């Protein structure tokens, strides 16, 4: 694809996300004379990535001498297209609250995110900032200012989704659902047994599973067994409701010789919301909730 940007026809869900999230990413470049509270840096684990694939983002903040934080601020992370229009965000609260940051301290952490299947391929710009939740207040940082205290931190070339290994939620899945306030946040609940299907990568690969569960409603921790050709390749427990990402290494020989591969997820505990003692009338038998499944060749 080189560095050229290609626009695709937007889906209704992603168009809604853009409409909800546009916040004026391409503002004027007036100088900001206020002293910077920190130098922000972003490092990506790769420079090119297909839509839908996971990337690891390393954040680094070098707190300036004399900096003081009156409250806890959130980290602004925007992904902009070639026209500096906002595509999606990864805004978050840092693992060490800013109210605990000290002058001269270096705060580093890594987050894994799945690139949305957005109607755009080409170069994306990653910007960062610090802002107070629920307000328009942003703090000054060191770096290349794009406007409104938003700073250029990295670039990423977005490749078409078909450049990766497409994983199909085949059998044993409930229909896809989306968050009412964020149509881009989608998931599917497993049944007691569910199948993922994808083309054989014919090389070592990692299966990424982004999931959460409701073990309390299921009567205790849920054990997930992952199998390939009848062989168990991984087993793990879902003991809480927090989202998690499981990385399952698979050797090329384990995929076999067939063009298509099927991986099965088995649950020892499921639950029916309508029978769980709450107000839900949902009669479905649910296992765990899977947000993303991705196979990344090594």
Protein backbone atom coordinates (compact mmCIF):
# COMPACT_ATOMS: atom_id res chain seq x y z
CA UNK A 1 0.00 0.00 0.00
CA UNK A 2 3.01 2.29 0.51
CA UNK A 3 2.15 5.54 2.22
CA UNK A 4 -0.98 6.33 0.19
CA UNK A 5 -4.22 6.77 2.05
CA UNK A 6 -7.32 5.03 0.76
CA UNK A 7 -10.80 5.78 2.03
CA UNK A 8 -13.38 3.03 2.06
CA UNK A 9 -17.14 3.33 2.44
CA UNK A 10 -17.77 3.81 6.20
CA UNK A 11 -20.01 1.45 8.10
CA UNK A 12 -22.94 2.96 9.97
CA UNK A 13 -21.40 2.04 13.33
CA UNK A 14 -18.06 3.68 12.63
CA UNK A 15 -19.74 6.75 11.14
CA UNK A 16 -21.61 7.15 14.44
CA UNK A 17 -18.37 6.83 16.39
CA UNK A 18 -16.74 9.58 14.34
CA UNK A 19 -19.79 11.80 14.74
CA UNK A 20 -19.73 11.27 18.51
CA UNK A 21 -15.98 11.63 18.94
CA UNK A 22 -14.92 14.49 16.63
CA UNK A 23 -13.24 17.04 18.85
CA UNK A 24 -11.30 19.24 16.48
CA UNK A 25 -8.04 17.31 16.04
CA UNK A 26 -6.70 19.73 13.42
CA UNK A 27 -6.57 22.97 15.39
CA UNK A 28 -4.27 25.93 14.92
CA UNK A 29 -0.59 25.63 15.77
CA UNK A 30 -0.22 28.64 18.06
CA UNK A 31 2.70 28.41 20.44
CA UNK A 32 1.99 27.36 23.98
CA UNK A 33 4.15 29.34 26.39
CA UNK A 34 3.06 27.50 29.54
CA UNK A 35 5.79 25.28 31.07
CA UNK A 36 5.45 21.61 30.13
CA UNK A 37 4.53 19.26 32.96
CA UNK A 38 6.03 16.22 31.20
CA UNK A 39 7.59 14.89 28.02
CA UNK A 40 5.34 12.25 26.45
CA UNK A 41 6.46 9.42 24.21
CA UNK A 42 4.71 6.58 22.39
CA UNK A 43 6.40 3.48 20.96
CA UNK A 44 4.52 0.94 18.85
CA UNK A 45 5.64 -2.68 18.60
CA UNK A 46 5.37 -2.47 14.81
CA UNK A 47 5.20 0.23 12.16
CA UNK A 48 2.60 -1.46 9.91
CA UNK A 49 -0.49 -3.39 11.00
CA UNK A 50 -3.69 -4.70 9.39
CA UNK A 51 -7.07 -3.43 10.50
CA UNK A 52 -8.45 -5.62 13.27
CA UNK A 53 -5.03 -6.72 14.51
CA UNK A 54 -3.57 -6.17 18.00
CA UNK A 55 -0.77 -3.70 18.63
CA UNK A 56 1.20 -3.00 21.76
CA UNK A 57 1.60 0.64 22.70
CA UNK A 58 4.29 1.69 25.16
CA UNK A 59 3.61 4.99 26.88
CA UNK A 60 6.39 6.98 28.55
CA UNK A 61 6.03 10.18 30.53
CA UNK A 62 9.11 12.01 31.84
CA UNK A 63 7.75 14.29 34.54
CA UNK A 64 9.28 17.77 34.45
CA UNK A 65 11.17 19.24 37.36
CA UNK A 66 8.83 21.44 39.34
CA UNK A 67 5.69 19.85 37.90
CA UNK A 68 2.73 19.37 40.23
CA UNK A 69 -0.63 17.77 39.53
CA UNK A 70 -3.67 19.02 41.44
CA UNK A 71 -5.80 16.04 40.46
CA UNK A 72 -5.84 12.84 38.43
CA UNK A 73 -5.74 13.45 34.71
CA UNK A 74 -6.56 11.07 31.87
CA UNK A 75 -4.29 10.30 28.94
CA UNK A 76 -5.64 11.50 25.61
CA UNK A 77 -4.75 9.19 22.71
CA UNK A 78 -6.13 9.99 19.26
CA UNK A 79 -5.59 8.22 15.96
CA UNK A 80 -5.83 10.67 13.04
CA UNK A 81 -6.02 10.02 9.31
CA UNK A 82 -3.95 11.76 6.63
CA UNK A 83 -6.24 14.80 6.86
CA UNK A 84 -5.81 14.93 10.64
CA UNK A 85 -9.42 13.87 11.14
CA UNK A 86 -10.16 11.77 14.21
CA UNK A 87 -10.77 8.06 13.54
CA UNK A 88 -10.78 6.54 17.03
CA UNK A 89 -9.33 7.02 20.50
CA UNK A 90 -7.58 5.05 23.23
CA UNK A 91 -8.12 7.56 26.05
CA UNK A 92 -7.41 5.95 29.42
CA UNK A 93 -6.39 6.46 33.02
CA UNK A 94 -2.69 5.68 33.57
CA UNK A 95 -1.88 2.82 35.97
CA UNK A 96 -0.08 5.31 38.25
CA UNK A 97 -2.51 8.20 38.86
CA UNK A 98 -1.08 11.58 37.88
CA UNK A 99 -1.71 12.88 41.41
CA UNK A 100 1.11 10.52 42.45
CA UNK A 101 3.59 11.60 39.75
CA UNK A 102 6.73 13.25 41.13
CA UNK A 103 9.17 15.69 39.47
CA UNK A 104 11.86 13.77 37.58
CA UNK A 105 9.90 10.51 37.68
CA UNK A 106 9.58 8.36 34.56
CA UNK A 107 6.18 6.66 34.20
CA UNK A 108 6.12 3.80 31.68
CA UNK A 109 3.48 1.19 30.86
CA UNK A 110 2.22 -0.90 27.95
CA UNK A 111 -1.33 -1.28 26.65
CA UNK A 112 -2.56 -3.71 24.01
CA UNK A 113 -5.35 -2.53 21.75
CA UNK A 114 -7.07 -4.03 18.72
CA UNK A 115 -7.15 -1.71 15.74
CA UNK A 116 -10.78 -1.02 14.81
CA UNK A 117 -11.92 -2.22 11.38
CA UNK A 118 -12.20 1.37 10.24
CA UNK A 119 -12.89 2.44 6.61
CA UNK A 120 -9.40 3.79 6.00
CA UNK A 121 -5.98 2.44 5.06
CA UNK A 122 -2.78 4.48 4.96
CA UNK A 123 -0.73 6.48 7.45
CA UNK A 124 -2.26 7.26 10.82
CA UNK A 125 -0.86 9.75 13.31
CA UNK A 126 -0.97 8.94 17.02
CA UNK A 127 -1.36 11.96 19.30
CA UNK A 128 -1.24 12.24 23.08
CA UNK A 129 -2.22 14.70 25.76
CA UNK A 130 -3.33 14.95 29.39
CA UNK A 131 -6.81 16.21 30.25
CA UNK A 132 -9.14 16.52 33.20
CA UNK A 133 -12.15 14.26 32.79
CA UNK A 134 -15.44 16.06 32.26
CA UNK A 135 -13.74 19.38 31.44
CA UNK A 136 -11.89 21.02 28.56
CA UNK A 137 -8.72 21.48 30.63
CA UNK A 138 -5.54 20.07 29.09
CA UNK A 139 -1.99 20.25 30.40
CA UNK A 140 1.03 21.47 28.40
CA UNK A 141 3.55 18.79 27.34
CA UNK A 142 6.87 18.78 25.52
CA UNK A 143 6.61 17.72 21.89
CA UNK A 144 5.27 18.60 18.45
CA UNK A 145 2.10 20.54 19.07
CA UNK A 146 -0.82 19.90 16.72
CA UNK A 147 -3.18 22.25 18.53
CA UNK A 148 -5.23 22.44 21.73
CA UNK A 149 -2.39 20.80 23.70
CA UNK A 150 -2.48 17.65 21.59
CA UNK A 151 0.94 16.37 20.55
CA UNK A 152 2.16 14.14 17.73
CA UNK A 153 3.72 11.01 19.24
CA UNK A 154 3.98 8.25 16.59
CA UNK A 155 2.87 7.13 13.14
CA UNK A 156 1.34 3.81 12.10
CA UNK A 157 0.61 2.51 8.61
CA UNK A 158 -2.79 0.85 8.52
CA UNK A 159 -3.08 -2.10 6.16
CA UNK A 160 -6.26 -3.73 4.78
CA UNK A 161 -7.92 -6.28 7.02
CA UNK A 162 -7.31 -9.06 4.47
CA UNK A 163 -3.55 -8.64 4.99
CA UNK A 164 -4.06 -10.40 8.33
CA UNK A 165 -5.62 -13.77 9.23
CA UNK A 166 -9.39 -13.34 9.33
CA UNK A 167 -10.99 -15.27 12.21
CA UNK A 168 -14.64 -16.31 11.79
CA UNK A 169 -16.92 -16.89 14.80
CA UNK A 170 -18.40 -20.08 13.39
CA UNK A 171 -20.53 -22.41 15.55
CA UNK A 172 -21.69 -22.04 19.16
CA UNK A 173 -21.88 -18.24 19.33
CA UNK A 174 -24.72 -15.92 20.20
CA UNK A 175 -25.34 -12.99 17.79
CA UNK A 176 -23.01 -10.00 17.93
CA UNK A 177 -23.93 -7.15 20.28
CA UNK A 178 -22.67 -3.58 20.71
CA UNK A 179 -22.52 -1.12 23.57
CA UNK A 180 -25.43 1.38 23.36
CA UNK A 181 -23.12 4.35 23.99
CA UNK A 182 -20.28 3.08 21.77
CA UNK A 183 -21.29 1.17 18.60
CA UNK A 184 -17.62 0.37 17.91
CA UNK A 185 -17.45 -1.79 21.06
CA UNK A 186 -18.76 -5.16 19.94
CA UNK A 187 -18.72 -8.66 21.40
CA UNK A 188 -20.20 -12.13 21.11
CA UNK A 189 -21.07 -14.48 23.95
CA UNK A 190 -19.97 -18.08 23.69
CA UNK A 191 -22.22 -21.02 24.38
CA UNK A 192 -20.81 -23.99 26.31
CA UNK A 193 -18.81 -24.93 23.21
CA UNK A 194 -17.84 -22.52 20.45
CA UNK A 195 -15.73 -22.71 17.30
CA UNK A 196 -13.33 -20.26 15.66
CA UNK A 197 -12.35 -20.84 12.03
CA UNK A 198 -9.53 -19.32 9.97
CA UNK A 199 -7.18 -20.13 7.10
CA UNK A 200 -4.09 -22.12 8.00
CA UNK A 201 -1.15 -19.72 8.50
CA UNK A 202 1.29 -22.66 8.00
CA UNK A 203 3.75 -21.13 10.43
CA UNK A 204 4.06 -20.53 14.15
CA UNK A 205 1.38 -18.12 15.34
CA UNK A 206 -0.27 -16.60 18.40
CA UNK A 207 -4.01 -16.72 19.04
CA UNK A 208 -5.21 -13.58 20.82
CA UNK A 209 -8.46 -13.80 22.81
CA UNK A 210 -9.86 -10.58 24.27
CA UNK A 211 -12.60 -11.51 26.72
CA UNK A 212 -14.35 -11.14 30.02
CA UNK A 213 -16.91 -13.19 31.96
CA UNK A 214 -19.39 -13.30 34.81
CA UNK A 215 -18.07 -16.08 37.07
CA UNK A 216 -20.25 -15.00 40.00
CA UNK A 217 -23.37 -15.59 37.93
CA UNK A 218 -21.94 -18.90 36.69
CA UNK A 219 -21.46 -20.15 40.25
CA UNK A 220 -17.68 -19.81 40.40
CA UNK A 221 -14.55 -19.38 38.27
CA UNK A 222 -15.07 -20.49 34.69
CA UNK A 223 -12.47 -22.82 33.17
CA UNK A 224 -11.90 -22.36 29.44
CA UNK A 225 -10.35 -25.23 27.47
CA UNK A 226 -8.91 -24.38 24.05
CA UNK A 227 -8.45 -27.31 21.69
CA UNK A 228 -7.16 -27.90 18.18
CA UNK A 229 -7.69 -31.20 16.33
CA UNK A 230 -8.94 -32.67 19.60
CA UNK A 231 -5.74 -31.70 21.46
CA UNK A 232 -5.87 -29.24 24.35
CA UNK A 233 -3.52 -26.37 23.58
CA UNK A 234 -4.44 -24.10 26.50
CA UNK A 235 -6.55 -23.96 29.65
CA UNK A 236 -7.25 -20.86 31.73
CA UNK A 237 -9.69 -19.59 34.34
CA UNK A 238 -11.98 -16.57 34.25
CA UNK A 239 -12.20 -15.56 37.90
CA UNK A 240 -13.30 -11.92 37.63
CA UNK A 241 -15.31 -9.56 35.45
CA UNK A 242 -12.39 -7.48 34.17
CA UNK A 243 -11.41 -7.64 30.51
CA UNK A 244 -8.30 -9.68 29.73
CA UNK A 245 -6.23 -10.72 26.72
CA UNK A 246 -5.01 -14.30 26.48
CA UNK A 247 -2.07 -15.03 24.18
CA UNK A 248 -1.90 -18.67 23.09
CA UNK A 249 1.21 -19.75 21.12
CA UNK A 250 0.58 -22.40 18.46
CA UNK A 251 3.28 -24.28 16.53
CA UNK A 252 2.99 -24.64 12.76
CA UNK A 253 2.80 -28.44 13.05
CA UNK A 254 -0.24 -28.16 15.36
CA UNK A 255 -2.28 -26.52 12.60
CA UNK A 256 -2.01 -29.61 10.43
CA UNK A 257 -2.25 -29.77 6.63
CA UNK A 258 -5.83 -28.60 6.01
CA UNK A 259 -6.41 -25.18 4.45
CA UNK A 260 -8.92 -24.24 7.15
CA UNK A 261 -8.33 -24.56 10.88
CA UNK A 262 -10.97 -24.84 13.60
CA UNK A 263 -10.25 -24.07 17.25
CA UNK A 264 -12.80 -25.01 19.91
CA UNK A 265 -13.48 -23.19 23.16
CA UNK A 266 -15.11 -25.27 25.91
CA UNK A 267 -16.57 -23.90 29.16
CA UNK A 268 -17.14 -25.89 32.34
CA UNK A 269 -19.62 -23.29 33.66
CA UNK A 270 -22.26 -21.23 31.87
CA UNK A 271 -25.19 -19.19 33.18
CA UNK A 272 -28.67 -18.05 32.19
CA UNK A 273 -29.20 -14.36 33.12
CA UNK A 274 -32.95 -14.87 33.64
CA UNK A 275 -32.19 -17.50 36.29
CA UNK A 276 -29.39 -15.58 38.00
CA UNK A 277 -31.60 -13.76 40.48
CA UNK A 278 -31.56 -10.31 38.89
CA UNK A 279 -34.04 -8.39 36.75
CA UNK A 280 -32.82 -9.78 33.43
CA UNK A 281 -35.22 -11.83 31.34
CA UNK A 282 -32.46 -13.03 29.00
CA UNK A 283 -33.03 -16.80 28.55
CA UNK A 284 -29.74 -17.49 26.76
CA UNK A 285 -27.11 -19.88 28.06
CA UNK A 286 -23.94 -17.74 28.22
CA UNK A 287 -20.29 -18.63 28.66
CA UNK A 288 -17.72 -15.84 28.27
CA UNK A 289 -17.89 -12.63 26.26
CA UNK A 290 -15.30 -12.37 23.46
CA UNK A 291 -14.50 -8.94 22.04
CA UNK A 292 -11.71 -9.96 19.68
CA UNK A 293 -10.13 -13.14 18.37
CA UNK A 294 -7.06 -12.79 16.18
CA UNK A 295 -4.35 -15.07 14.81
CA UNK A 296 -0.98 -13.39 14.34
CA UNK A 297 1.68 -15.33 12.40
CA UNK A 298 5.19 -15.13 13.86
